[in-house]
Protein backbone atom coordinates (compact mmCIF):
# COMPACT_ATOMS: atom_id res chain seq x y z
CA MET A 1 137.79 -7.41 87.92
CA ASN A 2 135.07 -5.20 89.35
CA ALA A 3 135.49 -1.47 88.86
CA THR A 4 134.27 0.86 91.60
CA LEU A 5 132.80 4.13 90.44
CA THR A 6 133.28 7.03 92.83
CA GLN A 7 131.76 10.47 92.70
CA PRO A 8 134.25 13.30 92.47
CA ALA A 9 134.57 15.41 95.61
CA ARG A 10 132.37 18.48 95.69
CA ILE A 11 134.14 21.74 95.11
CA LEU A 12 133.60 24.29 97.91
CA TYR A 13 133.49 28.04 97.35
CA GLU A 14 133.26 29.64 100.79
CA ALA A 15 133.45 33.11 102.35
CA LEU A 16 134.19 34.88 99.06
CA THR A 17 133.21 38.32 97.78
CA LEU A 18 132.59 38.08 94.04
CA ASP A 19 131.67 40.94 91.73
CA GLU A 20 133.17 40.04 88.36
CA GLU A 21 131.12 39.04 85.29
CA ARG A 22 130.17 35.33 85.35
CA ALA A 23 132.20 34.82 88.51
CA LEU A 24 131.32 31.13 88.90
CA TYR A 25 130.18 30.43 85.34
CA GLY A 26 129.41 26.81 84.54
CA ILE A 27 130.51 25.28 87.83
CA SER A 28 129.26 21.76 88.58
CA HIS A 29 129.07 19.43 91.56
CA ALA A 30 129.86 22.33 93.88
CA THR A 31 128.77 24.05 97.08
CA VAL A 32 128.76 27.84 97.39
CA LYS A 33 128.56 28.98 101.01
CA ASN A 34 128.64 32.26 102.93
CA CYS A 35 129.54 34.30 99.85
CA LEU A 36 128.67 37.88 98.91
CA PHE A 37 127.96 38.73 95.29
CA ASP A 38 128.54 42.47 95.15
CA GLY A 39 131.26 45.00 94.42
CA PRO A 40 132.55 47.72 92.11
CA ALA A 41 132.93 45.47 89.05
CA ASP A 42 129.12 45.11 89.08
CA GLY A 43 129.29 41.83 87.17
CA GLU A 44 126.23 39.89 86.01
CA SER A 45 125.32 36.21 85.66
CA ALA A 46 127.40 34.85 88.54
CA LEU A 47 126.38 31.16 88.28
CA LYS A 48 125.06 31.04 84.74
CA GLU A 49 125.00 27.54 83.18
CA ALA A 50 125.90 25.90 86.52
CA SER A 51 124.61 22.43 87.41
CA ASP A 52 124.33 20.24 90.49
CA VAL A 53 125.09 23.10 92.87
CA THR A 54 124.11 23.90 96.45
CA VAL A 55 124.07 27.57 97.44
CA GLU A 56 123.75 28.32 101.16
CA HIS A 57 123.80 31.45 103.32
CA CYS A 58 124.77 33.74 100.43
CA ASP A 59 123.87 37.35 99.69
CA PHE A 60 123.12 38.24 96.05
CA ARG A 61 123.02 41.93 95.08
CA LEU A 62 123.91 41.70 91.39
CA ARG A 63 121.79 40.81 88.38
CA TYR A 64 120.88 37.50 86.70
CA PRO A 65 122.80 35.07 88.96
CA PHE A 66 120.96 31.83 88.16
CA TRP A 67 120.22 31.81 84.42
CA HIS A 68 120.14 28.40 82.66
CA ILE A 69 121.08 26.61 85.89
CA ARG A 70 120.21 22.89 86.25
CA ARG A 71 119.71 20.82 89.40
CA GLY A 72 120.32 23.36 92.13
CA ARG A 73 119.42 24.05 95.74
CA ILE A 74 119.30 27.56 97.20
CA ALA A 75 118.89 27.71 100.98
CA ASP A 76 118.93 30.51 103.54
CA CYS A 77 119.96 33.09 100.96
CA THR A 78 119.05 36.73 100.36
CA LEU A 79 118.42 38.03 96.87
CA THR A 80 118.04 41.79 97.30
CA ASP A 81 115.94 44.22 95.27
CA THR A 82 119.01 44.93 93.11
CA CYS A 83 119.27 41.25 92.21
CA ARG A 84 117.02 41.55 89.16
CA ALA A 85 115.72 38.60 87.15
CA ALA A 86 117.48 36.07 89.36
CA LEU A 87 116.27 32.76 87.91
CA TRP A 88 115.42 32.50 84.21
CA TYR A 89 115.38 29.31 82.09
CA ALA A 90 116.36 27.22 85.13
CA ALA A 91 115.15 23.69 85.85
CA ASP A 92 114.93 21.25 88.76
CA MET A 93 115.57 23.79 91.50
CA SER A 94 114.63 24.02 95.17
CA ILE A 95 114.62 27.30 97.09
CA GLU A 96 114.26 27.15 100.87
CA ASN A 97 113.98 29.76 103.61
CA SER A 98 115.21 32.51 101.34
CA THR A 99 114.29 36.10 100.49
CA LEU A 100 113.64 36.97 96.84
CA GLY A 101 113.47 40.72 96.46
CA GLY A 102 114.27 41.59 92.85
CA ILE A 103 111.84 42.21 90.00
CA LYS A 104 111.12 39.23 87.69
CA ALA A 105 112.79 36.82 90.10
CA LEU A 106 111.49 33.68 88.38
CA ARG A 107 110.63 33.33 84.69
CA GLU A 108 110.35 30.51 82.13
CA CYS A 109 111.60 27.94 84.63
CA ASP A 110 110.66 24.25 84.98
CA ARG A 111 110.10 22.25 88.15
CA VAL A 112 110.98 24.76 90.86
CA THR A 113 110.01 24.15 94.51
CA LEU A 114 109.94 27.05 96.96
CA SER A 115 109.24 26.72 100.68
CA GLY A 116 109.52 29.03 103.66
CA CYS A 117 110.33 32.02 101.44
CA GLU A 118 109.67 35.77 101.57
CA ILE A 119 109.03 37.04 98.05
CA ASP A 120 108.62 40.68 97.01
CA SER A 121 108.95 40.59 93.26
CA ALA A 122 106.91 42.19 90.50
CA GLU A 123 106.20 39.92 87.53
CA PHE A 124 107.15 36.79 89.47
CA GLY A 125 106.75 33.34 87.96
CA TRP A 126 105.82 34.29 84.40
CA LEU A 127 105.62 31.43 81.89
CA CYS A 128 106.88 28.87 84.41
CA ARG A 129 105.95 25.19 84.44
CA GLY A 130 105.71 22.95 87.48
CA VAL A 131 106.25 25.50 90.25
CA GLU A 132 105.37 24.49 93.83
CA LEU A 133 105.20 27.25 96.45
CA SER A 134 104.46 26.41 100.09
CA HIS A 135 104.41 28.07 103.50
CA SER A 136 105.61 31.37 102.10
CA LYS A 137 104.67 35.05 101.96
CA MET A 138 104.54 36.85 98.65
CA LYS A 139 103.95 40.34 97.31
CA GLY A 140 103.97 41.65 93.76
CA GLU A 141 102.08 42.71 90.65
CA TYR A 142 101.15 40.20 87.95
CA PRO A 143 102.45 37.05 89.69
CA PHE A 144 102.38 33.76 87.78
CA PHE A 145 101.26 35.14 84.41
CA MET A 146 100.69 32.20 82.02
CA ALA A 147 102.15 29.65 84.45
CA ARG A 148 101.33 25.93 84.00
CA GLY A 149 101.18 23.17 86.58
CA LEU A 150 101.25 25.55 89.54
CA HIS A 151 100.66 24.39 93.13
CA LEU A 152 100.35 26.69 96.17
CA GLN A 153 99.89 25.58 99.77
CA GLY A 154 99.89 27.74 102.87
CA VAL A 155 100.72 30.92 100.95
CA GLU A 156 99.92 34.52 101.90
CA LEU A 157 99.75 36.60 98.73
CA LYS A 158 99.33 40.36 98.42
CA GLY A 159 99.15 41.15 94.74
CA LYS A 160 97.43 42.62 91.71
CA TYR A 161 96.30 40.90 88.52
CA SER A 162 97.43 37.52 89.82
CA PHE A 163 97.30 34.16 88.01
CA GLN A 164 96.20 35.54 84.64
CA TYR A 165 96.04 32.82 81.98
CA VAL A 166 97.31 30.12 84.38
CA GLU A 167 96.45 26.51 83.59
CA ASP A 168 96.34 23.39 85.76
CA CYS A 169 96.70 25.12 89.11
CA THR A 170 95.82 24.14 92.69
CA VAL A 171 95.71 26.40 95.74
CA THR A 172 95.08 25.13 99.28
CA ASP A 173 95.04 26.70 102.76
CA SER A 174 96.07 30.09 101.42
CA VAL A 175 95.09 33.76 101.65
CA LEU A 176 95.00 35.54 98.28
CA ASP A 177 94.50 39.29 98.56
CA THR A 178 94.65 40.31 94.94
CA LYS A 179 92.75 42.25 92.33
CA ASP A 180 91.55 40.57 89.14
CA ALA A 181 92.81 37.10 90.08
CA PHE A 182 92.48 34.10 87.73
CA TRP A 183 91.34 35.99 84.62
CA HIS A 184 91.22 33.60 81.65
CA ALA A 185 92.50 30.81 83.92
CA LYS A 186 91.80 27.17 83.04
CA ASN A 187 91.51 24.08 85.22
CA VAL A 188 92.09 25.73 88.60
CA THR A 189 91.00 24.35 92.00
CA VAL A 190 91.14 26.53 95.13
CA THR A 191 90.40 24.77 98.44
CA ASP A 192 90.02 26.00 102.03
CA SER A 193 91.31 29.46 101.16
CA VAL A 194 90.40 33.14 101.39
CA VAL A 195 90.20 35.00 98.08
CA LYS A 196 89.89 38.79 98.33
CA GLY A 197 89.68 41.22 95.45
CA GLU A 198 87.63 42.70 92.66
CA TYR A 199 86.29 41.04 89.52
CA LEU A 200 87.48 37.57 90.51
CA ALA A 201 88.14 35.06 87.74
CA TRP A 202 86.34 36.71 84.82
CA TYR A 203 86.54 34.61 81.62
CA SER A 204 87.89 31.59 83.49
CA GLU A 205 87.14 28.02 82.46
CA GLY A 206 87.00 25.01 84.74
CA LEU A 207 87.47 26.93 88.01
CA THR A 208 86.44 25.10 91.20
CA LEU A 209 86.29 26.77 94.62
CA VAL A 210 85.85 24.46 97.62
CA ARG A 211 85.08 25.77 101.14
CA CYS A 212 86.50 29.17 100.27
CA ARG A 213 85.68 32.64 101.56
CA ILE A 214 85.25 34.98 98.59
CA GLU A 215 85.33 38.73 99.19
CA GLY A 216 84.85 41.60 96.75
CA THR A 217 82.71 43.18 94.10
CA GLN A 218 81.47 41.56 90.87
CA PRO A 219 83.10 38.14 91.15
CA LEU A 220 82.93 35.17 88.82
CA CYS A 221 81.49 36.68 85.65
CA TYR A 222 81.70 35.29 82.11
CA CYS A 223 82.97 31.96 83.48
CA LYS A 224 82.57 28.54 81.88
CA ASN A 225 82.09 25.39 83.96
CA LEU A 226 82.38 27.25 87.26
CA ILE A 227 81.84 25.21 90.45
CA LEU A 228 81.49 26.49 94.03
CA ILE A 229 81.18 23.97 96.86
CA ASP A 230 80.19 25.23 100.33
CA CYS A 231 81.71 28.67 99.85
CA GLU A 232 81.04 32.01 101.56
CA MET A 233 80.57 35.21 99.56
CA VAL A 234 81.15 38.43 101.49
CA GLY A 235 80.49 41.81 99.90
CA CYS A 236 79.89 40.10 96.56
CA ASP A 237 77.47 42.09 94.43
CA LEU A 238 76.52 41.50 90.79
CA SER A 239 77.95 37.98 90.97
CA PHE A 240 77.98 35.30 88.24
CA GLU A 241 77.01 37.51 85.30
CA ASN A 242 76.75 35.44 82.12
CA SER A 243 78.47 32.42 83.75
CA SER A 244 77.68 28.74 83.49
CA VAL A 245 77.80 27.75 87.14
CA THR A 246 76.99 25.12 89.73
CA ALA A 247 77.25 26.69 93.19
CA THR A 248 76.35 26.06 96.81
CA VAL A 249 76.88 29.16 98.94
CA ARG A 250 76.78 29.22 102.73
CA GLY A 251 75.26 32.44 103.97
CA HIS A 252 74.28 35.58 102.08
CA VAL A 253 75.03 36.84 98.58
CA ASP A 254 74.56 40.58 98.05
CA SER A 255 73.33 40.21 94.49
CA ILE A 256 73.30 37.82 91.55
CA LYS A 257 73.19 39.20 88.02
CA SER A 258 72.04 37.33 84.91
CA PRO A 259 73.87 34.00 85.22
CA ALA A 260 73.76 32.11 81.92
CA SER A 261 73.05 28.55 83.02
CA GLY A 262 73.34 26.00 85.82
CA ARG A 263 72.15 26.13 89.43
CA ILE A 264 72.99 28.43 92.34
CA GLU A 265 71.95 27.66 95.91
CA ALA A 266 72.37 30.20 98.70
CA ASP A 267 70.94 30.77 102.16
CA SER A 268 69.87 34.28 101.17
CA VAL A 269 70.27 36.73 98.31
CA GLY A 270 69.87 40.48 98.55
CA GLU A 271 68.86 40.98 94.91
CA ILE A 272 68.53 38.93 91.75
CA VAL A 273 69.00 41.00 88.60
CA HIS A 274 67.92 39.75 85.16
CA GLU A 275 69.16 42.02 82.38
CA ARG A 276 68.99 39.62 79.47
CA ALA A 277 67.00 36.66 78.25
CA PRO A 278 68.43 33.18 78.96
CA VAL A 279 71.04 32.04 76.43
CA ASP A 280 69.56 29.51 73.97
CA GLY A 281 66.45 29.42 76.09
CA HIS A 282 68.24 27.80 79.03
CA GLY A 283 68.48 29.82 82.20
CA CYS A 284 70.10 29.35 85.58
CA GLU A 285 68.10 27.96 88.48
CA ILE A 286 68.52 30.05 91.62
CA VAL A 287 67.46 28.45 94.91
CA VAL A 288 67.22 30.67 97.98
CA HIS A 289 66.75 28.75 101.20
CA LYS A 290 65.86 31.75 103.40
CA PRO A 291 64.06 34.26 101.20
């Protein structure tokens, strides 16, 4: 006799207004649709410990709705600025075409994919692993602090102090307008992107920039194993101080200051400053094609 295993029918929660504490705590194999999470009870943690859930066209105005959630999809939802710390300790999530507006919206999560989102969240993405963000707009201070395995594609970011201490990160086809990006970062590759800001990537290790436009003062200092391939440097003065670097720059560099080792090629350089003797007797070769 052959037994046939059938999946239980999905539970549907639709067109509800929910404001109590842990309103849908621990639900599984369920769809939540067209619901509002708000009201006088001001309850927290609406879907805490849920698993295998789809959440569509919902409005979240209360705190901590998606803590410890597993295997979830959030689509076409609004998480307002009062929806603080929305996703913590979650795993295997996708977020599509949604607005994330509360502080600390994503923290200590694993394997989260976001696409087509509008994000305005301070301290977003801290200590996360395996986050993929694509075709989205983002604003906030200190995004992605100490994140691992981070991948951005087609992202417009307006931030401060972004990507500090990140490891194993790729960025492609993006615009990063951010101060102090990639400080102490390791194993990062940025391709076909614009990177604007001040003091870019100080103390980084294993940073590679490919066909990027770099804008801002004093970039790429105190770096180890820094590589630039066919990049532009606009308004970049006092660049590469004490860095080990291999760089090809298209166009002009305002000034280069005391690189530690390697080779820098540029079409033209406004000024080359040497403030210290080469480290261990090995200096950096600077080749200017149009002196």
